[in-house]
């Protein structure tokens, strides 16, 4: 709801959800917890942003000439399951 995605929509994979979330602005609260001596981050709350038309340009943004799809980009970001803060 916070990202304005259709209510009740189901996704075949995390990559499909990521593709739908790409470019959407949301307000999140991050919680830090300690587990096995390591500090981990997790999203505690997700809310609608006060600035839905954010025009922010990220430093490492993929250029428009790049033809990679969202799942390929996510595969580059999430390359090792051991680094994820959840099972």
C-alpha atoms as a PDB file:
ATOM      1  CA  UNK A   1       0.000   0.000   0.000  1.00  0.00           C
ATOM      2  CA  UNK A   2       2.830   2.407   0.869  1.00  0.00           C
ATOM      3  CA  UNK A   3       4.319   2.070  -2.623  1.00  0.00           C
ATOM      4  CA  UNK A   4       0.960   2.334  -4.388  1.00  0.00           C
ATOM      5  CA  UNK A   5       1.013  -1.209  -5.742  1.00  0.00           C
ATOM      6  CA  UNK A   6      -2.317  -2.845  -6.620  1.00  0.00           C
ATOM      7  CA  UNK A   7      -4.062  -4.389  -3.608  1.00  0.00           C
ATOM      8  CA  UNK A   8      -3.999  -8.185  -3.585  1.00  0.00           C
ATOM      9  CA  UNK A   9      -1.506  -8.548  -6.428  1.00  0.00           C
ATOM     10  CA  UNK A  10       0.588 -11.718  -6.158  1.00  0.00           C
ATOM     11  CA  UNK A  11       4.131 -12.165  -7.463  1.00  0.00           C
ATOM     12  CA  UNK A  12       5.876 -15.247  -8.813  1.00  0.00           C
ATOM     13  CA  UNK A  13       9.253 -14.181  -7.415  1.00  0.00           C
ATOM     14  CA  UNK A  14      11.051 -11.576  -5.359  1.00  0.00           C
ATOM     15  CA  UNK A  15      12.491 -10.193  -8.599  1.00  0.00           C
ATOM     16  CA  UNK A  16       8.962  -9.516  -9.914  1.00  0.00           C
ATOM     17  CA  UNK A  17       8.120  -7.622  -6.733  1.00  0.00           C
ATOM     18  CA  UNK A  18      11.387  -5.693  -7.000  1.00  0.00           C
ATOM     19  CA  UNK A  19      10.586  -4.720 -10.586  1.00  0.00           C
ATOM     20  CA  UNK A  20       7.213  -3.325  -9.448  1.00  0.00           C
ATOM     21  CA  UNK A  21       8.826  -1.425  -6.566  1.00  0.00           C
ATOM     22  CA  UNK A  22      11.558   0.094  -8.730  1.00  0.00           C
ATOM     23  CA  UNK A  23      11.256   3.871  -8.786  1.00  0.00           C
ATOM     24  CA  UNK A  24       8.586   4.014  -6.064  1.00  0.00           C
ATOM     25  CA  UNK A  25       9.168   6.243  -3.053  1.00  0.00           C
ATOM     26  CA  UNK A  26       8.293   4.925   0.408  1.00  0.00           C
ATOM     27  CA  UNK A  27       9.183   5.891   3.954  1.00  0.00           C
ATOM     28  CA  UNK A  28      10.769   3.041   5.941  1.00  0.00           C
ATOM     29  CA  UNK A  29      11.930   2.681   9.518  1.00  0.00           C
ATOM     30  CA  UNK A  30      14.992   0.480   9.897  1.00  0.00           C
ATOM     31  CA  UNK A  31      15.541  -1.560  13.063  1.00  0.00           C
ATOM     32  CA  UNK A  32      18.976  -2.793  14.127  1.00  0.00           C
ATOM     33  CA  UNK A  33      19.141  -6.110  15.998  1.00  0.00           C
ATOM     34  CA  UNK A  34      22.037  -8.216  17.156  1.00  0.00           C
ATOM     35  CA  UNK A  35      22.166 -11.924  16.281  1.00  0.00           C
ATOM     36  CA  UNK A  36      25.143 -14.254  16.763  1.00  0.00           C
ATOM     37  CA  UNK A  37      27.362 -11.275  17.540  1.00  0.00           C
ATOM     38  CA  UNK A  38      26.458  -9.443  14.323  1.00  0.00           C
ATOM     39  CA  UNK A  39      24.316  -6.331  13.982  1.00  0.00           C
ATOM     40  CA  UNK A  40      21.647  -6.756  11.332  1.00  0.00           C
ATOM     41  CA  UNK A  41      19.180  -4.349   9.773  1.00  0.00           C
ATOM     42  CA  UNK A  42      15.542  -5.066   9.031  1.00  0.00           C
ATOM     43  CA  UNK A  43      12.582  -2.989   7.904  1.00  0.00           C
ATOM     44  CA  UNK A  44      10.340  -2.355  10.901  1.00  0.00           C
ATOM     45  CA  UNK A  45       7.712  -0.102   9.299  1.00  0.00           C
ATOM     46  CA  UNK A  46       6.825   0.911   5.755  1.00  0.00           C
ATOM     47  CA  UNK A  47       4.646   3.980   5.210  1.00  0.00           C
ATOM     48  CA  UNK A  48       3.591   6.260   2.396  1.00  0.00           C
ATOM     49  CA  UNK A  49       6.021   9.077   1.705  1.00  0.00           C
ATOM     50  CA  UNK A  50       5.098  12.747   1.915  1.00  0.00           C
ATOM     51  CA  UNK A  51       7.003  13.249  -1.357  1.00  0.00           C
ATOM     52  CA  UNK A  52       5.657  10.706  -3.899  1.00  0.00           C
ATOM     53  CA  UNK A  53       7.067  12.609  -6.888  1.00  0.00           C
ATOM     54  CA  UNK A  54      10.687  12.394  -5.768  1.00  0.00           C
ATOM     55  CA  UNK A  55      13.092  13.233  -8.595  1.00  0.00           C
ATOM     56  CA  UNK A  56      16.215  11.925  -6.874  1.00  0.00           C
ATOM     57  CA  UNK A  57      18.957  10.623  -9.178  1.00  0.00           C
ATOM     58  CA  UNK A  58      21.135   7.986  -7.555  1.00  0.00           C
ATOM     59  CA  UNK A  59      24.911   8.180  -7.999  1.00  0.00           C
ATOM     60  CA  UNK A  60      25.119   4.639  -9.374  1.00  0.00           C
ATOM     61  CA  UNK A  61      21.912   4.774 -11.402  1.00  0.00           C
ATOM     62  CA  UNK A  62      21.708   2.453 -14.392  1.00  0.00           C
ATOM     63  CA  UNK A  63      21.804   4.540 -17.566  1.00  0.00           C
ATOM     64  CA  UNK A  64      18.961   4.364 -20.056  1.00  0.00           C
ATOM     65  CA  UNK A  65      21.287   2.811 -22.636  1.00  0.00           C
ATOM     66  CA  UNK A  66      21.662  -0.207 -20.356  1.00  0.00           C
ATOM     67  CA  UNK A  67      19.242  -2.929 -21.449  1.00  0.00           C
ATOM     68  CA  UNK A  68      19.457  -5.128 -18.362  1.00  0.00           C
ATOM     69  CA  UNK A  69      16.161  -6.104 -16.776  1.00  0.00           C
ATOM     70  CA  UNK A  70      15.247  -5.587 -13.126  1.00  0.00           C
ATOM     71  CA  UNK A  71      15.843  -9.253 -12.159  1.00  0.00           C
ATOM     72  CA  UNK A  72      19.387  -9.073 -13.583  1.00  0.00           C
ATOM     73  CA  UNK A  73      20.084  -5.915 -11.595  1.00  0.00           C
ATOM     74  CA  UNK A  74      18.745  -7.533  -8.399  1.00  0.00           C
ATOM     75  CA  UNK A  75      20.942 -10.585  -9.014  1.00  0.00           C
ATOM     76  CA  UNK A  76      23.977  -8.267  -9.022  1.00  0.00           C
ATOM     77  CA  UNK A  77      22.901  -6.669  -5.752  1.00  0.00           C
ATOM     78  CA  UNK A  78      21.969  -9.907  -3.966  1.00  0.00           C
ATOM     79  CA  UNK A  79      24.839 -12.162  -4.895  1.00  0.00           C
ATOM     80  CA  UNK A  80      25.317 -14.043  -1.621  1.00  0.00           C
ATOM     81  CA  UNK A  81      22.480 -15.313   0.554  1.00  0.00           C
ATOM     82  CA  UNK A  82      24.799 -15.389   3.591  1.00  0.00           C
ATOM     83  CA  UNK A  83      24.753 -11.574   3.699  1.00  0.00           C
ATOM     84  CA  UNK A  84      20.956 -11.361   3.989  1.00  0.00           C
ATOM     85  CA  UNK A  85      19.529 -10.539   7.454  1.00  0.00           C
ATOM     86  CA  UNK A  86      16.818 -13.208   7.209  1.00  0.00           C
ATOM     87  CA  UNK A  87      16.449 -16.887   6.301  1.00  0.00           C
END
